[in-house]
Amino acid sequence: MTRCAVIGGGAWGTALADLLARNGHAVTLWAYEAAVVDSVNSAHVNPTFLPGVSLHSSLAATASLDSAVNEADLITFVAPSHVLREICRRTSGSLRTGAVIVVATKGIERGTLALMTDVVRAEIPAARVVALSGPSFAAEVAVHQPTAVVAASEDDIAAARVQRAFSSDAFRVYTHSDVIGVEVGGALKNVIAVATGIAEGLGLGYNPRAALITRGLAEMTRLGVALGASPLTFAGLAGMGDLVLTCTGALSRNRAVGVEVGKGATLADVLAGRQTVAEGVVTTQSANALAVRERVDMPIVAAVHGILFEGRPVRAVITDLMTRELRPEQDA
């Protein structure tokens, strides 16, 4: 049995905490919302973010970051990307020496353009960090649908420890060494999912969806390689696997945001009615800036940025994508 802390009481954090508890570990879930803490402790449910799911009776919740991470050997961060740095800073003094930190947050930090594991290392320099990513809707993990993900780290021992802690008969974890590739895939698939949602909202068919997914994968790969990733990583679970799920699955928050924008809603109106975070919106800004910095051609990311943040008409953006200069499919 491992003493675990999961930091973030949203759908994904709750599903992972429940998974660890069902695997026999002692788990404390930290949640920002007092109502989530109360419902997990009193009724073993999280109706705010994971309705309809009964949580393991041993799972405990707290509103205290210090008490959550104190003495924990395995800490999983699942906080939204825009608050991850602050939460790491607040917990750094309470972490047990040698604890393994799992980063299940997907995104690129706005401003610094740092990957999530880099944010953690900057605030907790001695951390043994593992990125957990792959095609996994929280609602399906919570009801034990078969799921496969990857645990990526430069520390093979830490990655194997995470693999053992999370793996079950319905949740299979593969280890991986390409942290950059796994993180870039997990972050950028959300932007491409917004793009496919926009196309769906416009009433476009399966042809454009397939084109966006395939060319989106090419963009993800180009940026990942520029940052030091292996191109092979993007053919795996954290690349193509997560991309297909998020672009086509009805449970995808990022795809849903795109659908509403494609139907004519403003981004402000779409986000105002949502309780959960759609990471693809923030990541669109970061990915667009990162593409400029690295001089990587990412026309779909630029198109989504133009629609969401520059007021560009959707139909005009699609025309621009289709009439770009002709080129080979494979990069030279």
Protein backbone atom coordinates (compact mmCIF):
# COMPACT_ATOMS: atom_id res chain seq x y z
CA MET A 1 0.00 0.00 0.00
CA THR A 2 1.25 3.48 -0.92
CA ARG A 3 0.18 6.69 0.75
CA CYS A 4 -1.12 8.87 -2.10
CA ALA A 5 -2.33 12.43 -2.54
CA VAL A 6 -4.30 13.66 -5.55
CA ILE A 7 -4.32 17.44 -5.94
CA GLY A 8 -7.38 18.59 -7.84
CA GLY A 9 -10.97 17.53 -7.24
CA GLY A 10 -12.29 17.87 -10.78
CA ALA A 11 -13.49 14.93 -12.84
CA TRP A 12 -10.05 13.61 -13.77
CA GLY A 13 -8.56 14.10 -10.30
CA THR A 14 -11.52 12.36 -8.68
CA ALA A 15 -11.38 9.45 -11.13
CA LEU A 16 -7.66 8.95 -10.53
CA ALA A 17 -8.07 9.20 -6.76
CA ASP A 18 -10.85 6.60 -6.87
CA LEU A 19 -8.71 4.34 -9.06
CA LEU A 20 -5.81 4.49 -6.59
CA ALA A 21 -8.14 3.82 -3.66
CA ARG A 22 -9.65 0.80 -5.41
CA ASN A 23 -6.11 -0.45 -6.03
CA GLY A 24 -5.65 -0.64 -2.25
CA HIS A 25 -3.73 2.59 -1.61
CA ALA A 26 -4.41 5.13 1.12
CA VAL A 27 -5.59 8.18 -0.83
CA THR A 28 -6.36 11.77 0.12
CA LEU A 29 -8.02 14.00 -2.48
CA TRP A 30 -7.48 17.75 -2.22
CA ALA A 31 -10.26 19.89 -3.69
CA TYR A 32 -10.60 23.66 -3.87
CA GLU A 33 -14.39 23.49 -3.60
CA ALA A 34 -15.73 22.91 -0.07
CA ALA A 35 -18.82 21.22 -1.51
CA VAL A 36 -16.65 18.61 -3.22
CA VAL A 37 -14.76 17.87 0.00
CA ASP A 38 -18.01 17.51 1.93
CA SER A 39 -19.71 15.25 -0.63
CA VAL A 40 -16.71 12.94 -1.02
CA ASN A 41 -16.35 12.51 2.75
CA SER A 42 -20.04 12.27 3.65
CA ALA A 43 -21.56 10.43 0.69
CA HIS A 44 -18.60 9.11 -1.36
CA VAL A 45 -19.67 11.03 -4.45
CA ASN A 46 -18.58 14.11 -6.38
CA PRO A 47 -21.83 15.35 -7.96
CA THR A 48 -20.22 18.64 -9.00
CA PHE A 49 -17.65 17.18 -11.40
CA LEU A 50 -18.26 13.43 -11.63
CA PRO A 51 -22.00 12.87 -11.20
CA GLY A 52 -23.50 9.42 -11.02
CA VAL A 53 -20.32 7.69 -9.81
CA SER A 54 -19.96 6.00 -6.42
CA LEU A 55 -16.45 6.52 -5.05
CA HIS A 56 -14.49 4.02 -2.98
CA SER A 57 -15.36 4.24 0.70
CA SER A 58 -11.71 4.59 1.76
CA LEU A 59 -11.17 7.74 -0.31
CA ALA A 60 -10.86 10.82 1.92
CA ALA A 61 -10.98 14.47 0.85
CA THR A 62 -9.53 17.61 2.39
CA ALA A 63 -9.38 21.35 1.75
CA SER A 64 -5.86 21.56 3.24
CA LEU A 65 -2.99 21.21 0.80
CA ASP A 66 -0.47 20.61 3.59
CA SER A 67 -2.43 17.77 5.16
CA ALA A 68 -3.05 16.21 1.73
CA VAL A 69 0.62 15.94 0.74
CA ASN A 70 2.11 15.46 4.20
CA GLU A 71 3.71 11.99 4.39
CA ALA A 72 2.46 11.07 0.91
CA ASP A 73 4.84 8.94 -1.16
CA LEU A 74 2.99 9.50 -4.45
CA ILE A 75 1.49 12.90 -5.25
CA THR A 76 -0.59 13.38 -8.39
CA PHE A 77 -1.18 16.93 -9.62
CA VAL A 78 -4.39 17.31 -11.64
CA ALA A 79 -4.97 21.04 -11.16
CA PRO A 80 -5.74 23.23 -14.20
CA SER A 81 -2.62 24.39 -16.03
CA HIS A 82 -3.07 28.06 -15.13
CA VAL A 83 -2.90 27.37 -11.37
CA LEU A 84 -0.44 24.46 -11.31
CA ARG A 85 2.62 26.62 -10.57
CA GLU A 86 1.00 28.31 -7.59
CA ILE A 87 -0.18 25.01 -6.15
CA CYS A 88 3.29 23.48 -6.55
CA ARG A 89 4.78 26.50 -4.81
CA ARG A 90 2.35 26.16 -1.92
CA THR A 91 3.05 22.44 -1.46
CA SER A 92 6.82 22.38 -2.02
CA GLY A 93 7.68 22.83 1.66
CA SER A 94 5.40 20.00 2.80
CA LEU A 95 6.50 17.26 0.41
CA ARG A 96 8.21 14.16 1.70
CA THR A 97 11.81 13.70 0.51
CA GLY A 98 11.93 11.17 -2.30
CA ALA A 99 8.21 11.35 -3.08
CA VAL A 100 7.24 10.67 -6.69
CA ILE A 101 5.19 13.40 -8.35
CA VAL A 102 2.76 12.49 -11.11
CA VAL A 103 1.69 15.28 -13.46
CA ALA A 104 -1.72 14.50 -14.93
CA THR A 105 -2.40 18.11 -15.96
CA LYS A 106 -2.25 18.63 -19.73
CA GLY A 107 -1.24 21.98 -21.15
CA ILE A 108 1.41 24.59 -21.87
CA GLU A 109 1.76 27.41 -19.36
CA ARG A 110 0.74 30.78 -20.70
CA GLY A 111 3.56 33.33 -20.69
CA THR A 112 6.47 31.01 -19.90
CA LEU A 113 5.41 28.44 -22.53
CA ALA A 114 6.61 25.72 -20.15
CA LEU A 115 5.36 22.15 -20.21
CA MET A 116 3.64 21.00 -17.04
CA THR A 117 6.52 18.81 -15.83
CA ASP A 118 8.86 21.79 -16.29
CA VAL A 119 6.55 23.90 -14.13
CA VAL A 120 6.74 21.26 -11.39
CA ARG A 121 10.53 20.97 -11.61
CA ALA A 122 10.92 24.74 -11.45
CA GLU A 123 8.95 24.95 -8.21
CA ILE A 124 10.08 21.61 -6.71
CA PRO A 125 13.65 21.17 -8.02
CA ALA A 126 14.37 17.81 -6.36
CA ALA A 127 11.13 16.21 -7.53
CA ARG A 128 11.03 12.80 -9.20
CA VAL A 129 8.51 13.69 -11.91
CA VAL A 130 6.36 11.43 -14.08
CA ALA A 131 3.89 12.63 -16.74
CA LEU A 132 0.67 10.60 -16.98
CA SER A 133 -1.16 10.99 -20.29
CA GLY A 134 -3.18 9.14 -22.90
CA PRO A 135 -6.72 8.67 -24.24
CA SER A 136 -8.83 8.71 -21.09
CA PHE A 137 -12.16 10.33 -20.37
CA ALA A 138 -12.62 10.61 -16.61
CA ALA A 139 -16.22 9.43 -16.71
CA GLU A 140 -15.22 6.18 -18.42
CA VAL A 141 -12.24 5.53 -16.12
CA ALA A 142 -14.54 6.06 -13.14
CA VAL A 143 -16.88 3.27 -14.29
CA HIS A 144 -13.97 0.96 -15.11
CA GLN A 145 -14.06 1.09 -18.89
CA PRO A 146 -10.84 -0.48 -20.28
CA THR A 147 -8.28 2.32 -20.68
CA ALA A 148 -4.59 2.50 -21.64
CA VAL A 149 -2.25 5.42 -20.87
CA VAL A 150 1.48 6.09 -20.50
CA ALA A 151 3.66 7.12 -17.56
CA ALA A 152 6.63 9.05 -18.96
CA SER A 153 9.77 9.95 -17.08
CA GLU A 154 13.55 10.15 -17.40
CA ASP A 155 13.56 8.27 -14.09
CA ASP A 156 12.82 4.65 -15.02
CA ILE A 157 12.28 3.61 -11.41
CA ALA A 158 9.77 6.40 -10.79
CA ALA A 159 7.89 5.58 -14.02
CA ALA A 160 7.68 1.90 -13.04
CA ARG A 161 6.41 2.84 -9.60
CA VAL A 162 3.62 4.92 -11.11
CA GLN A 163 2.83 2.10 -13.52
CA ARG A 164 2.37 -0.33 -10.65
CA ALA A 165 0.35 2.08 -8.50
CA PHE A 166 -2.22 2.96 -11.17
CA SER A 167 -2.50 -0.27 -13.16
CA SER A 168 -5.59 -2.41 -12.65
CA ASP A 169 -7.62 -4.91 -14.64
CA ALA A 170 -9.33 -1.96 -16.37
CA PHE A 171 -6.54 0.64 -16.42
CA ARG A 172 -3.33 -0.34 -18.20
CA VAL A 173 -0.25 1.85 -17.86
CA TYR A 174 2.74 1.66 -20.20
CA THR A 175 6.06 3.31 -19.29
CA HIS A 176 7.73 5.78 -21.64
CA SER A 177 10.93 7.83 -21.64
CA ASP A 178 9.93 10.67 -24.00
CA VAL A 179 8.47 13.17 -21.53
CA ILE A 180 8.45 16.04 -24.03
CA GLY A 181 6.61 14.06 -26.69
CA VAL A 182 4.03 12.73 -24.26
CA GLU A 183 3.35 16.20 -22.87
CA VAL A 184 3.22 17.95 -26.23
CA GLY A 185 0.78 15.34 -27.50
CA GLY A 186 -1.42 15.66 -24.41
CA ALA A 187 -1.51 19.44 -24.66
CA LEU A 188 -1.92 20.03 -28.39
CA LYS A 189 -4.62 17.42 -28.99
CA ASN A 190 -6.96 19.76 -27.10
CA VAL A 191 -6.37 22.54 -29.64
CA ILE A 192 -7.04 20.20 -32.56
CA ALA A 193 -10.19 19.02 -30.79
CA VAL A 194 -11.43 22.61 -30.68
CA ALA A 195 -10.76 22.79 -34.43
CA THR A 196 -12.73 19.61 -35.18
CA GLY A 197 -15.54 20.85 -32.96
CA ILE A 198 -15.70 24.11 -34.91
CA ALA A 199 -15.97 22.15 -38.15
CA GLU A 200 -18.74 20.03 -36.67
CA GLY A 201 -20.58 23.11 -35.43
CA LEU A 202 -20.51 24.45 -38.97
CA GLY A 203 -22.20 21.28 -40.17
CA LEU A 204 -19.18 19.97 -42.03
CA GLY A 205 -18.79 16.24 -42.53
CA TYR A 206 -16.37 13.41 -41.89
CA ASN A 207 -13.88 14.38 -44.62
CA PRO A 208 -12.84 17.65 -42.95
CA ARG A 209 -12.71 15.96 -39.55
CA ALA A 210 -10.29 13.34 -40.86
CA ALA A 211 -8.19 16.03 -42.52
CA LEU A 212 -7.99 18.10 -39.34
CA ILE A 213 -7.05 15.11 -37.19
CA THR A 214 -4.36 13.91 -39.60
CA ARG A 215 -2.85 17.31 -40.34
CA GLY A 216 -3.19 18.21 -36.66
CA LEU A 217 -1.04 15.20 -35.84
CA ALA A 218 1.56 16.48 -38.30
CA GLU A 219 1.60 19.85 -36.50
CA MET A 220 1.90 18.20 -33.09
CA THR A 221 4.81 16.12 -34.36
CA ARG A 222 6.61 19.08 -35.90
CA LEU A 223 6.47 21.10 -32.71
CA GLY A 224 7.39 18.13 -30.54
CA VAL A 225 10.44 17.31 -32.63
CA ALA A 226 11.52 20.96 -32.53
CA LEU A 227 11.40 20.77 -28.73
CA GLY A 228 13.39 17.54 -28.61
CA ALA A 229 10.74 14.80 -28.77
CA SER A 230 10.85 11.61 -30.80
CA PRO A 231 8.44 11.59 -33.77
CA LEU A 232 7.52 7.99 -32.91
CA THR A 233 5.87 9.11 -29.69
CA PHE A 234 3.09 10.80 -31.65
CA ALA A 235 2.04 7.49 -33.19
CA GLY A 236 1.30 6.16 -29.69
CA LEU A 237 -1.27 6.54 -26.93
CA ALA A 238 -0.27 10.07 -25.90
CA GLY A 239 -0.25 11.21 -29.53
CA MET A 240 -2.65 9.67 -32.02
CA GLY A 241 -4.58 7.80 -29.34
CA ASP A 242 -5.45 10.86 -27.29
CA LEU A 243 -5.96 12.98 -30.39
CA VAL A 244 -8.57 10.66 -31.91
CA LEU A 245 -10.45 10.30 -28.63
CA THR A 246 -10.59 14.03 -27.91
CA CYS A 247 -11.52 15.00 -31.47
CA THR A 248 -14.33 12.47 -31.85
CA GLY A 249 -15.64 11.58 -28.40
CA ALA A 250 -18.92 13.04 -27.20
CA LEU A 251 -17.41 13.55 -23.71
CA SER A 252 -14.68 15.90 -24.97
CA ARG A 253 -15.01 19.36 -23.38
CA ASN A 254 -12.66 20.91 -25.94
CA ARG A 255 -14.58 19.51 -28.89
CA ALA A 256 -17.80 20.78 -27.28
CA VAL A 257 -16.38 24.31 -27.00
CA GLY A 258 -15.49 24.20 -30.69
CA VAL A 259 -18.98 23.01 -31.65
CA GLU A 260 -20.58 26.01 -29.95
CA VAL A 261 -18.12 28.44 -31.56
CA GLY A 262 -18.78 26.82 -34.94
CA LYS A 263 -22.49 27.41 -34.42
CA GLY A 264 -21.83 31.12 -33.93
CA ALA A 265 -21.41 31.59 -30.17
CA THR A 266 -18.65 33.84 -28.89
CA LEU A 267 -15.88 32.29 -26.82
CA ALA A 268 -16.87 34.43 -23.84
CA ASP A 269 -20.45 33.15 -23.98
CA VAL A 270 -19.33 29.54 -24.29
CA LEU A 271 -16.95 29.73 -21.34
CA ALA A 272 -19.38 31.68 -19.17
CA GLY A 273 -21.76 28.75 -19.07
CA ARG A 274 -19.13 26.15 -18.10
CA GLN A 275 -18.10 24.94 -14.67
CA THR A 276 -15.20 22.85 -15.95
CA VAL A 277 -11.98 23.96 -17.66
CA ALA A 278 -11.45 23.41 -21.39
CA GLU A 279 -7.64 23.35 -21.52
CA GLY A 280 -7.61 23.71 -25.30
CA VAL A 281 -8.58 27.39 -25.03
CA VAL A 282 -5.57 28.34 -22.90
CA THR A 283 -3.31 25.97 -24.82
CA THR A 284 -4.28 27.60 -28.13
CA GLN A 285 -2.63 30.82 -27.00
CA SER A 286 0.45 29.06 -25.63
CA ALA A 287 0.86 26.73 -28.60
CA ASN A 288 0.53 29.59 -31.08
CA ALA A 289 3.21 31.56 -29.23
CA LEU A 290 5.43 28.48 -28.98
CA ALA A 291 5.12 27.84 -32.72
CA VAL A 292 6.22 31.40 -33.40
CA ARG A 293 9.14 31.09 -30.98
CA GLU A 294 10.31 27.79 -32.47
CA ARG A 295 9.55 28.87 -36.07
CA VAL A 296 7.35 25.84 -36.62
CA ASP A 297 4.56 25.94 -39.19
CA MET A 298 1.25 25.19 -37.39
CA PRO A 299 -1.59 26.48 -39.60
CA ILE A 300 -4.41 24.71 -37.72
CA VAL A 301 -3.25 26.07 -34.37
CA ALA A 302 -2.95 29.54 -35.95
CA ALA A 303 -6.44 29.18 -37.42
CA VAL A 304 -8.00 28.27 -34.07
CA HIS A 305 -6.15 31.18 -32.46
CA GLY A 306 -7.49 33.51 -35.14
CA ILE A 307 -11.07 32.39 -34.55
CA LEU A 308 -10.95 32.40 -30.74
CA PHE A 309 -8.81 35.45 -30.05
CA GLU A 310 -8.57 37.58 -33.18
CA GLY A 311 -12.20 37.69 -34.25
CA ARG A 312 -11.59 36.05 -37.62
CA PRO A 313 -14.67 34.66 -39.41
CA VAL A 314 -14.77 30.86 -39.28
CA ARG A 315 -15.62 30.34 -42.93
CA ALA A 316 -12.79 32.63 -44.04
CA VAL A 317 -10.30 30.74 -41.88
CA ILE A 318 -11.32 27.42 -43.43
CA THR A 319 -10.94 28.89 -46.92
CA ASP A 320 -7.46 30.11 -45.98
CA LEU A 321 -6.48 26.64 -44.75
CA MET A 322 -7.69 25.01 -47.96
CA THR A 323 -5.97 27.50 -50.27
CA ARG A 324 -2.54 27.59 -48.62
CA GLU A 325 0.47 27.05 -50.88
CA LEU A 326 0.54 23.47 -52.18
CA ARG A 327 3.23 21.24 -50.68
CA PRO A 328 4.22 17.58 -50.12
CA GLU A 329 2.40 15.76 -47.31
CA GLN A 330 5.64 14.64 -45.64
CA ASP A 331 7.97 17.28 -44.25
CA ALA A 332 11.39 17.38 -45.83
